[in-house]
Amino acid sequence: DVDSFDPDLFSRTCWGQEELILVVPSVLEVNGRLKNKRMTFEQIRFSQEERLVHSHVDLKEFQDEEFLLLKRGNSAYQLALAMCHNAGFTPKVSAYMDQMITAYYVAADTKSVTFIRAGALDHVRPTDKLYFYYVDDANAVRPIYLYYKKNRVLPPIAKEFLSFMIEKASQ
């Protein structure tokens, strides 16, 4: 999970990290100004080298755009607000969504930008209706934790599972 649980009740192990990326409808004019930083679905999804070529974008470039945000209470909602605040603006919100993947598909058919976990691109249809940007803000990267209850002794299979997950994350 990316959220924090009560440290008195749960132990955690950092499993890895995820990055929130900006998803922008290709019809928006801002993409023309940011031609050197924008990425297609194929570039962001299939080529790690593209990350080195394309620099992070200042979110302030999108201050005049409308945003699709996840609903209040979602940690991605809080991160989106923090990133916009750090860029010096309050986002104009066109709609609040329940799920990132829903926001992805809505963005493809509207003129609103949104955020999505980079890993979620493994679970959506490719499209040429969107461009993708890495955001220049520390809040765009967040840790993913494996949690387990403190007051219980982990059975051997759970310990093996944790070891397996940590080993796979480091590969």
N, C-alpha and C. Protein backbone atom coordinates (compact mmCIF):
# COMPACT_ATOMS: atom_id res chain seq x y z
N ASP A 1 0.85 -1.18 0.00
CA ASP A 1 0.00 0.00 0.00
C ASP A 1 0.89 1.24 0.00
N VAL A 2 0.34 2.34 -0.51
CA VAL A 2 1.06 3.61 -0.51
C VAL A 2 0.63 4.49 0.67
N ASP A 3 -0.46 4.11 1.29
CA ASP A 3 -0.93 4.86 2.46
C ASP A 3 -0.20 4.39 3.70
N SER A 4 -0.25 5.20 4.74
CA SER A 4 0.38 4.84 6.01
C SER A 4 -0.66 4.24 6.94
N PHE A 5 -0.28 3.16 7.58
CA PHE A 5 -1.13 2.54 8.58
C PHE A 5 -0.54 2.80 9.96
N ASP A 6 -1.34 2.62 10.97
CA ASP A 6 -0.95 2.88 12.36
C ASP A 6 0.31 2.10 12.70
N PRO A 7 1.43 2.80 12.98
CA PRO A 7 2.69 2.10 13.27
C PRO A 7 2.67 1.34 14.60
N ASP A 8 1.69 1.61 15.45
CA ASP A 8 1.56 0.83 16.68
C ASP A 8 0.96 -0.54 16.41
N LEU A 9 0.24 -0.65 15.28
CA LEU A 9 -0.44 -1.91 14.96
C LEU A 9 0.24 -2.69 13.84
N PHE A 10 0.96 -1.97 12.97
CA PHE A 10 1.52 -2.63 11.79
C PHE A 10 3.01 -2.38 11.64
N SER A 11 3.71 -3.41 11.21
CA SER A 11 5.09 -3.28 10.76
C SER A 11 5.05 -3.13 9.24
N ARG A 12 6.07 -2.51 8.68
CA ARG A 12 6.09 -2.35 7.24
C ARG A 12 7.49 -2.55 6.70
N THR A 13 7.52 -2.97 5.46
CA THR A 13 8.76 -3.12 4.72
C THR A 13 8.58 -2.39 3.41
N CYS A 14 9.54 -1.56 3.05
CA CYS A 14 9.45 -0.84 1.79
C CYS A 14 9.68 -1.83 0.65
N TRP A 15 8.72 -1.92 -0.24
CA TRP A 15 8.78 -2.86 -1.35
C TRP A 15 9.31 -2.21 -2.62
N GLY A 16 9.08 -0.94 -2.75
CA GLY A 16 9.51 -0.23 -3.95
C GLY A 16 8.92 1.16 -3.96
N GLN A 17 8.79 1.70 -5.14
CA GLN A 17 8.17 3.01 -5.27
C GLN A 17 7.40 3.08 -6.57
N GLU A 18 6.48 4.04 -6.62
CA GLU A 18 5.74 4.27 -7.84
C GLU A 18 5.77 5.75 -8.16
N GLU A 19 5.60 6.04 -9.43
CA GLU A 19 5.64 7.44 -9.85
C GLU A 19 4.30 7.82 -10.47
N LEU A 20 3.80 8.97 -10.05
CA LEU A 20 2.61 9.53 -10.67
C LEU A 20 3.07 10.33 -11.88
N ILE A 21 2.42 10.11 -13.00
CA ILE A 21 2.75 10.84 -14.22
C ILE A 21 1.51 11.63 -14.65
N LEU A 22 1.74 12.67 -15.39
CA LEU A 22 0.66 13.51 -15.87
C LEU A 22 0.18 12.98 -17.22
N VAL A 23 -1.14 12.86 -17.35
CA VAL A 23 -1.79 12.36 -18.55
C VAL A 23 -2.52 13.54 -19.18
N VAL A 24 -2.18 13.87 -20.43
CA VAL A 24 -2.69 15.08 -21.07
C VAL A 24 -3.31 14.75 -22.43
N PRO A 25 -4.56 15.16 -22.63
CA PRO A 25 -5.16 14.93 -23.96
C PRO A 25 -4.31 15.56 -25.06
N SER A 26 -4.11 14.82 -26.14
CA SER A 26 -3.23 15.30 -27.21
C SER A 26 -3.77 16.52 -27.92
N VAL A 27 -5.06 16.81 -27.78
CA VAL A 27 -5.66 17.97 -28.45
C VAL A 27 -5.32 19.30 -27.77
N LEU A 28 -4.77 19.27 -26.57
CA LEU A 28 -4.47 20.51 -25.85
C LEU A 28 -3.24 21.21 -26.43
N GLU A 29 -3.31 22.53 -26.53
CA GLU A 29 -2.23 23.33 -27.10
C GLU A 29 -0.93 23.25 -26.31
N VAL A 30 -1.03 23.02 -25.01
CA VAL A 30 0.17 22.97 -24.17
C VAL A 30 1.17 21.93 -24.68
N ASN A 31 0.69 20.89 -25.32
CA ASN A 31 1.58 19.85 -25.85
C ASN A 31 2.53 20.38 -26.92
N GLY A 32 2.10 21.39 -27.66
CA GLY A 32 2.97 21.99 -28.67
C GLY A 32 4.15 22.70 -28.05
N ARG A 33 3.90 23.41 -26.94
CA ARG A 33 4.99 24.11 -26.24
C ARG A 33 5.96 23.14 -25.58
N LEU A 34 5.48 21.96 -25.27
CA LEU A 34 6.28 20.99 -24.51
C LEU A 34 6.66 19.77 -25.37
N LYS A 35 6.84 20.01 -26.64
CA LYS A 35 7.09 18.92 -27.59
C LYS A 35 8.29 18.05 -27.18
N ASN A 36 9.32 18.66 -26.62
CA ASN A 36 10.53 17.91 -26.24
C ASN A 36 10.36 17.11 -24.95
N LYS A 37 9.31 17.38 -24.22
CA LYS A 37 9.11 16.69 -22.94
C LYS A 37 7.97 15.69 -22.96
N ARG A 38 7.10 15.79 -23.95
CA ARG A 38 5.95 14.90 -24.00
C ARG A 38 6.36 13.52 -24.51
N MET A 39 5.60 12.53 -24.10
CA MET A 39 5.85 11.16 -24.53
C MET A 39 4.56 10.52 -24.99
N THR A 40 4.67 9.68 -25.97
CA THR A 40 3.52 8.88 -26.41
C THR A 40 3.36 7.70 -25.46
N PHE A 41 2.27 6.98 -25.62
CA PHE A 41 2.04 5.79 -24.81
C PHE A 41 3.19 4.80 -24.98
N GLU A 42 3.59 4.57 -26.20
CA GLU A 42 4.66 3.60 -26.46
C GLU A 42 5.97 4.04 -25.82
N GLN A 43 6.27 5.32 -25.89
CA GLN A 43 7.52 5.81 -25.31
C GLN A 43 7.55 5.63 -23.80
N ILE A 44 6.48 6.02 -23.14
CA ILE A 44 6.50 5.95 -21.68
C ILE A 44 6.33 4.53 -21.17
N ARG A 45 5.63 3.72 -21.90
CA ARG A 45 5.33 2.37 -21.44
C ARG A 45 6.42 1.37 -21.76
N PHE A 46 7.05 1.50 -22.92
CA PHE A 46 7.92 0.43 -23.38
C PHE A 46 9.41 0.75 -23.43
N SER A 47 9.80 1.96 -23.14
CA SER A 47 11.21 2.29 -23.29
C SER A 47 11.73 3.04 -22.07
N GLN A 48 12.51 2.38 -21.26
CA GLN A 48 13.12 3.02 -20.09
C GLN A 48 14.09 4.12 -20.51
N GLU A 49 14.68 3.98 -21.70
CA GLU A 49 15.62 4.99 -22.16
C GLU A 49 14.94 6.34 -22.38
N GLU A 50 13.64 6.31 -22.69
CA GLU A 50 12.91 7.55 -22.94
C GLU A 50 12.93 8.45 -21.70
N ARG A 51 12.95 7.84 -20.53
CA ARG A 51 12.97 8.62 -19.29
C ARG A 51 14.23 9.50 -19.23
N LEU A 52 15.31 8.99 -19.74
CA LEU A 52 16.56 9.75 -19.73
C LEU A 52 16.53 10.88 -20.76
N VAL A 53 15.81 10.68 -21.84
CA VAL A 53 15.73 11.67 -22.91
C VAL A 53 14.79 12.81 -22.54
N HIS A 54 13.65 12.46 -21.97
CA HIS A 54 12.62 13.45 -21.66
C HIS A 54 12.78 13.92 -20.21
N SER A 55 12.95 15.22 -20.06
CA SER A 55 13.10 15.75 -18.71
C SER A 55 11.73 15.94 -18.07
N HIS A 56 11.76 16.16 -16.80
CA HIS A 56 10.53 16.38 -16.05
C HIS A 56 9.97 17.76 -16.39
N VAL A 57 8.67 17.85 -16.38
CA VAL A 57 7.99 19.09 -16.72
C VAL A 57 7.58 19.82 -15.44
N ASP A 58 7.63 21.15 -15.49
CA ASP A 58 7.13 21.98 -14.41
C ASP A 58 5.61 21.98 -14.51
N LEU A 59 4.94 21.55 -13.47
CA LEU A 59 3.49 21.46 -13.48
C LEU A 59 2.82 22.81 -13.73
N LYS A 60 3.53 23.89 -13.47
CA LYS A 60 2.99 25.23 -13.71
C LYS A 60 2.58 25.41 -15.18
N GLU A 61 3.20 24.65 -16.08
CA GLU A 61 2.84 24.70 -17.49
C GLU A 61 1.36 24.35 -17.72
N PHE A 62 0.75 23.67 -16.75
CA PHE A 62 -0.61 23.18 -16.90
C PHE A 62 -1.61 23.93 -16.00
N GLN A 63 -1.19 25.07 -15.47
CA GLN A 63 -2.05 25.79 -14.53
C GLN A 63 -3.36 26.28 -15.14
N ASP A 64 -3.42 26.47 -16.45
CA ASP A 64 -4.64 26.93 -17.10
C ASP A 64 -5.55 25.79 -17.56
N GLU A 65 -5.10 24.57 -17.38
CA GLU A 65 -5.89 23.41 -17.83
C GLU A 65 -6.85 22.95 -16.73
N GLU A 66 -7.86 22.22 -17.16
CA GLU A 66 -8.79 21.61 -16.21
C GLU A 66 -8.26 20.23 -15.84
N PHE A 67 -8.48 19.85 -14.58
CA PHE A 67 -7.96 18.59 -14.06
C PHE A 67 -9.09 17.64 -13.69
N LEU A 68 -8.84 16.36 -13.92
CA LEU A 68 -9.65 15.29 -13.35
C LEU A 68 -8.85 14.78 -12.16
N LEU A 69 -9.40 14.87 -10.98
CA LEU A 69 -8.71 14.39 -9.78
C LEU A 69 -9.48 13.24 -9.16
N LEU A 70 -8.77 12.42 -8.42
CA LEU A 70 -9.47 11.41 -7.65
C LEU A 70 -10.21 12.10 -6.51
N LYS A 71 -11.17 11.41 -5.95
CA LYS A 71 -12.00 12.00 -4.90
C LYS A 71 -11.19 12.30 -3.65
N ARG A 72 -11.68 13.29 -2.90
CA ARG A 72 -11.05 13.66 -1.62
C ARG A 72 -10.94 12.42 -0.74
N GLY A 73 -9.88 12.36 0.03
CA GLY A 73 -9.65 11.20 0.88
C GLY A 73 -8.70 10.20 0.24
N ASN A 74 -8.55 10.25 -1.06
CA ASN A 74 -7.61 9.38 -1.75
C ASN A 74 -6.22 10.02 -1.65
N SER A 75 -5.21 9.22 -1.38
CA SER A 75 -3.86 9.78 -1.23
C SER A 75 -3.37 10.45 -2.52
N ALA A 76 -3.79 9.94 -3.68
CA ALA A 76 -3.39 10.58 -4.95
C ALA A 76 -4.03 11.96 -5.09
N TYR A 77 -5.20 12.16 -4.52
CA TYR A 77 -5.83 13.48 -4.50
C TYR A 77 -4.95 14.46 -3.72
N GLN A 78 -4.52 14.03 -2.54
CA GLN A 78 -3.67 14.89 -1.71
C GLN A 78 -2.35 15.20 -2.41
N LEU A 79 -1.76 14.21 -3.05
CA LEU A 79 -0.50 14.43 -3.76
C LEU A 79 -0.68 15.38 -4.94
N ALA A 80 -1.78 15.23 -5.67
CA ALA A 80 -2.05 16.13 -6.81
C ALA A 80 -2.18 17.57 -6.32
N LEU A 81 -2.92 17.77 -5.24
CA LEU A 81 -3.06 19.13 -4.70
C LEU A 81 -1.71 19.68 -4.24
N ALA A 82 -0.91 18.85 -3.60
CA ALA A 82 0.41 19.29 -3.13
C ALA A 82 1.30 19.66 -4.30
N MET A 83 1.28 18.87 -5.36
CA MET A 83 2.12 19.18 -6.53
C MET A 83 1.67 20.48 -7.20
N CYS A 84 0.37 20.68 -7.33
CA CYS A 84 -0.14 21.92 -7.91
C CYS A 84 0.22 23.10 -7.02
N HIS A 85 0.05 22.93 -5.72
CA HIS A 85 0.41 24.00 -4.77
C HIS A 85 1.89 24.35 -4.90
N ASN A 86 2.74 23.34 -4.98
CA ASN A 86 4.18 23.58 -5.12
C ASN A 86 4.51 24.31 -6.42
N ALA A 87 3.66 24.12 -7.44
CA ALA A 87 3.86 24.79 -8.73
C ALA A 87 3.23 26.19 -8.72
N GLY A 88 2.56 26.54 -7.63
CA GLY A 88 2.04 27.90 -7.49
C GLY A 88 0.61 28.13 -7.95
N PHE A 89 -0.19 27.06 -8.03
CA PHE A 89 -1.57 27.26 -8.44
C PHE A 89 -2.50 26.24 -7.78
N THR A 90 -3.77 26.55 -7.81
CA THR A 90 -4.82 25.63 -7.37
C THR A 90 -5.47 25.08 -8.63
N PRO A 91 -5.56 23.76 -8.76
CA PRO A 91 -6.10 23.21 -10.00
C PRO A 91 -7.59 23.51 -10.18
N LYS A 92 -7.95 23.76 -11.43
CA LYS A 92 -9.36 23.88 -11.79
C LYS A 92 -9.84 22.44 -12.04
N VAL A 93 -10.75 21.97 -11.22
CA VAL A 93 -11.18 20.58 -11.29
C VAL A 93 -12.48 20.48 -12.07
N SER A 94 -12.45 19.71 -13.15
CA SER A 94 -13.66 19.50 -13.95
C SER A 94 -14.51 18.36 -13.41
N ALA A 95 -13.86 17.38 -12.76
CA ALA A 95 -14.60 16.25 -12.18
C ALA A 95 -13.71 15.50 -11.21
N TYR A 96 -14.36 14.82 -10.28
CA TYR A 96 -13.66 13.95 -9.33
C TYR A 96 -13.99 12.50 -9.69
N MET A 97 -12.97 11.68 -9.75
CA MET A 97 -13.11 10.28 -10.16
C MET A 97 -12.88 9.35 -8.97
N ASP A 98 -13.39 8.13 -9.10
CA ASP A 98 -13.16 7.11 -8.08
C ASP A 98 -11.85 6.35 -8.31
N GLN A 99 -11.48 6.19 -9.58
CA GLN A 99 -10.33 5.36 -9.93
C GLN A 99 -9.43 6.06 -10.94
N MET A 100 -8.13 5.81 -10.83
CA MET A 100 -7.18 6.38 -11.79
C MET A 100 -7.42 5.89 -13.21
N ILE A 101 -7.74 4.63 -13.35
CA ILE A 101 -7.94 4.10 -14.70
C ILE A 101 -9.16 4.73 -15.35
N THR A 102 -10.19 4.99 -14.56
CA THR A 102 -11.36 5.71 -15.09
C THR A 102 -10.94 7.10 -15.54
N ALA A 103 -10.15 7.79 -14.73
CA ALA A 103 -9.68 9.13 -15.08
C ALA A 103 -8.87 9.09 -16.38
N TYR A 104 -8.07 8.05 -16.56
CA TYR A 104 -7.28 7.88 -17.79
C TYR A 104 -8.19 7.86 -19.02
N TYR A 105 -9.24 7.03 -18.96
CA TYR A 105 -10.13 6.91 -20.11
C TYR A 105 -10.96 8.17 -20.33
N VAL A 106 -11.36 8.83 -19.27
CA VAL A 106 -12.11 10.08 -19.40
C VAL A 106 -11.20 11.16 -20.02
N ALA A 107 -9.95 11.23 -19.57
CA ALA A 107 -9.01 12.21 -20.12
C ALA A 107 -8.83 12.01 -21.63
N ALA A 108 -8.83 10.77 -22.07
CA ALA A 108 -8.65 10.48 -23.50
C ALA A 108 -9.79 11.05 -24.34
N ASP A 109 -10.95 11.25 -23.74
CA ASP A 109 -12.11 11.72 -24.50
C ASP A 109 -12.57 13.11 -24.09
N THR A 110 -11.76 13.82 -23.31
CA THR A 110 -12.12 15.18 -22.89
C THR A 110 -10.91 16.09 -23.09
N LYS A 111 -10.97 17.26 -22.48
CA LYS A 111 -9.85 18.19 -22.51
C LYS A 111 -9.33 18.43 -21.11
N SER A 112 -9.44 17.43 -20.24
CA SER A 112 -8.95 17.54 -18.87
C SER A 112 -7.74 16.64 -18.67
N VAL A 113 -6.77 17.13 -17.90
CA VAL A 113 -5.57 16.36 -17.59
C VAL A 113 -5.78 15.62 -16.28
N THR A 114 -4.99 14.59 -16.06
CA THR A 114 -5.10 13.83 -14.83
C THR A 114 -3.75 13.20 -14.49
N PHE A 115 -3.70 12.57 -13.34
CA PHE A 115 -2.50 11.84 -12.91
C PHE A 115 -2.83 10.35 -12.89
N ILE A 116 -1.82 9.54 -13.19
CA ILE A 116 -1.97 8.09 -13.11
C ILE A 116 -0.65 7.50 -12.63
N ARG A 117 -0.74 6.39 -11.93
CA ARG A 117 0.48 5.67 -11.56
C ARG A 117 1.10 5.11 -12.83
N ALA A 118 2.39 5.24 -12.97
CA ALA A 118 3.06 4.74 -14.17
C ALA A 118 2.78 3.25 -14.36
N GLY A 119 2.72 2.49 -13.27
CA GLY A 119 2.46 1.05 -13.36
C GLY A 119 1.07 0.72 -13.86
N ALA A 120 0.13 1.66 -13.75
CA ALA A 120 -1.24 1.41 -14.22
C ALA A 120 -1.29 1.33 -15.74
N LEU A 121 -0.26 1.82 -16.41
CA LEU A 121 -0.23 1.75 -17.87
C LEU A 121 -0.16 0.30 -18.36
N ASP A 122 0.20 -0.62 -17.47
CA ASP A 122 0.20 -2.04 -17.80
C ASP A 122 -1.22 -2.57 -17.96
N HIS A 123 -2.21 -1.80 -17.49
CA HIS A 123 -3.58 -2.30 -17.41
C HIS A 123 -4.59 -1.48 -18.20
N VAL A 124 -4.11 -0.66 -19.11
CA VAL A 124 -5.00 0.18 -19.93
C VAL A 124 -4.69 -0.05 -21.41
N ARG A 125 -5.64 0.36 -22.24
CA ARG A 125 -5.42 0.26 -23.69
C ARG A 125 -4.50 1.39 -24.14
N PRO A 126 -3.57 1.09 -25.04
CA PRO A 126 -2.74 2.15 -25.63
C PRO A 126 -3.64 3.13 -26.39
N THR A 127 -3.20 4.37 -26.46
CA THR A 127 -3.97 5.37 -27.18
C THR A 127 -3.05 6.43 -27.74
N ASP A 128 -3.46 7.04 -28.84
CA ASP A 128 -2.73 8.18 -29.38
C ASP A 128 -3.46 9.47 -29.02
N LYS A 129 -4.48 9.37 -28.19
CA LYS A 129 -5.25 10.55 -27.75
C LYS A 129 -4.62 11.24 -26.54
N LEU A 130 -3.56 10.68 -26.00
CA LEU A 130 -2.94 11.22 -24.79
C LEU A 130 -1.43 11.33 -24.96
N TYR A 131 -0.88 12.32 -24.27
CA TYR A 131 0.57 12.43 -24.06
C TYR A 131 0.83 12.28 -22.57
N PHE A 132 2.07 11.94 -22.25
CA PHE A 132 2.44 11.67 -20.87
C PHE A 132 3.67 12.49 -20.51
N TYR A 133 3.69 12.92 -19.24
CA TYR A 133 4.79 13.76 -18.75
C TYR A 133 5.22 13.30 -17.37
N TYR A 134 6.54 13.28 -17.16
CA TYR A 134 7.07 13.13 -15.80
C TYR A 134 7.00 14.51 -15.16
N VAL A 135 6.59 14.55 -13.90
CA VAL A 135 6.38 15.82 -13.19
C VAL A 135 7.58 16.11 -12.29
N ASP A 136 8.03 17.35 -12.34
CA ASP A 136 9.17 17.80 -11.54
C ASP A 136 8.70 18.18 -10.14
N ASP A 137 8.44 17.18 -9.31
CA ASP A 137 8.01 17.41 -7.92
C ASP A 137 8.28 16.14 -7.13
N ALA A 138 8.82 16.29 -5.95
CA ALA A 138 9.14 15.12 -5.11
C ALA A 138 7.89 14.32 -4.77
N ASN A 139 6.74 14.96 -4.74
CA ASN A 139 5.49 14.25 -4.42
C ASN A 139 5.06 13.29 -5.52
N ALA A 140 5.66 13.39 -6.69
CA ALA A 140 5.29 12.49 -7.79
C ALA A 140 5.79 11.07 -7.56
N VAL A 141 6.74 10.89 -6.67
CA VAL A 141 7.26 9.56 -6.38
C VAL A 141 6.91 9.23 -4.93
N ARG A 142 6.31 8.05 -4.75
CA ARG A 142 5.93 7.66 -3.39
C ARG A 142 6.28 6.20 -3.16
N PRO A 143 6.61 5.88 -1.90
CA PRO A 143 6.99 4.49 -1.60
C PRO A 143 5.78 3.58 -1.54
N ILE A 144 6.02 2.31 -1.84
CA ILE A 144 5.02 1.26 -1.70
C ILE A 144 5.50 0.35 -0.57
N TYR A 145 4.62 0.10 0.37
CA TYR A 145 4.98 -0.71 1.54
C TYR A 145 4.21 -2.02 1.58
N LEU A 146 4.84 -3.02 2.12
CA LEU A 146 4.19 -4.28 2.49
C LEU A 146 3.94 -4.18 4.00
N TYR A 147 2.70 -4.33 4.40
CA TYR A 147 2.32 -4.21 5.82
C TYR A 147 1.94 -5.57 6.38
N TYR A 148 2.22 -5.72 7.68
CA TYR A 148 1.77 -6.91 8.41
C TYR A 148 1.59 -6.53 9.87
N LYS A 149 0.66 -7.22 10.52
CA LYS A 149 0.33 -6.89 11.91
C LYS A 149 1.50 -7.18 12.84
N LYS A 150 1.71 -6.28 13.78
CA LYS A 150 2.82 -6.41 14.72
C LYS A 150 2.59 -7.49 15.76
N ASN A 151 1.36 -7.65 16.21
CA ASN A 151 1.09 -8.54 17.34
C ASN A 151 0.97 -10.01 16.93
N ARG A 152 1.33 -10.33 15.70
CA ARG A 152 1.25 -11.71 15.24
C ARG A 152 2.63 -12.18 14.76
N VAL A 153 2.94 -13.42 15.05
CA VAL A 153 4.15 -14.02 14.52
C VAL A 153 3.86 -14.45 13.09
N LEU A 154 4.70 -14.03 12.18
CA LEU A 154 4.48 -14.40 10.78
C LEU A 154 4.78 -15.88 10.58
N PRO A 155 3.85 -16.59 9.95
CA PRO A 155 4.14 -17.99 9.63
C PRO A 155 5.25 -18.06 8.58
N PRO A 156 5.91 -19.19 8.50
CA PRO A 156 7.01 -19.33 7.54
C PRO A 156 6.61 -18.97 6.11
N ILE A 157 5.40 -19.33 5.68
CA ILE A 157 4.99 -19.03 4.31
C ILE A 157 4.88 -17.52 4.10
N ALA A 158 4.45 -16.77 5.11
CA ALA A 158 4.36 -15.31 5.00
C ALA A 158 5.76 -14.70 4.93
N LYS A 159 6.69 -15.25 5.71
CA LYS A 159 8.07 -14.77 5.66
C LYS A 159 8.67 -15.04 4.28
N GLU A 160 8.38 -16.21 3.72
CA GLU A 160 8.87 -16.53 2.38
C GLU A 160 8.27 -15.58 1.34
N PHE A 161 6.99 -15.29 1.50
CA PHE A 161 6.32 -14.38 0.58
C PHE A 161 6.96 -12.99 0.64
N LEU A 162 7.21 -12.46 1.83
CA LEU A 162 7.86 -11.16 1.97
C LEU A 162 9.24 -11.17 1.32
N SER A 163 10.01 -12.22 1.57
CA SER A 163 11.33 -12.33 0.96
C SER A 163 11.24 -12.37 -0.56
N PHE A 164 10.27 -13.13 -1.06
CA PHE A 164 10.06 -13.24 -2.50
C PHE A 164 9.72 -11.88 -3.09
N MET A 165 8.79 -11.15 -2.47
CA MET A 165 8.37 -9.84 -2.97
C MET A 165 9.54 -8.86 -2.97
N ILE A 166 10.32 -8.84 -1.92
CA ILE A 166 11.46 -7.92 -1.82
C ILE A 166 12.53 -8.28 -2.85
N GLU A 167 12.76 -9.57 -3.03
CA GLU A 167 13.76 -10.03 -4.02
C GLU A 167 13.31 -9.62 -5.43
N LYS A 168 12.06 -9.82 -5.76
CA LYS A 168 11.54 -9.49 -7.09
C LYS A 168 11.59 -7.97 -7.34
N ALA A 169 11.36 -7.19 -6.29
CA ALA A 169 11.37 -5.73 -6.44
C ALA A 169 12.78 -5.23 -6.75
N SER A 170 13.80 -5.92 -6.25
CA SER A 170 15.17 -5.47 -6.46
C SER A 170 15.73 -5.89 -7.82
N GLN A 171 15.00 -6.70 -8.55
CA GLN A 171 15.49 -7.18 -9.87
C GLN A 171 15.18 -6.20 -10.96
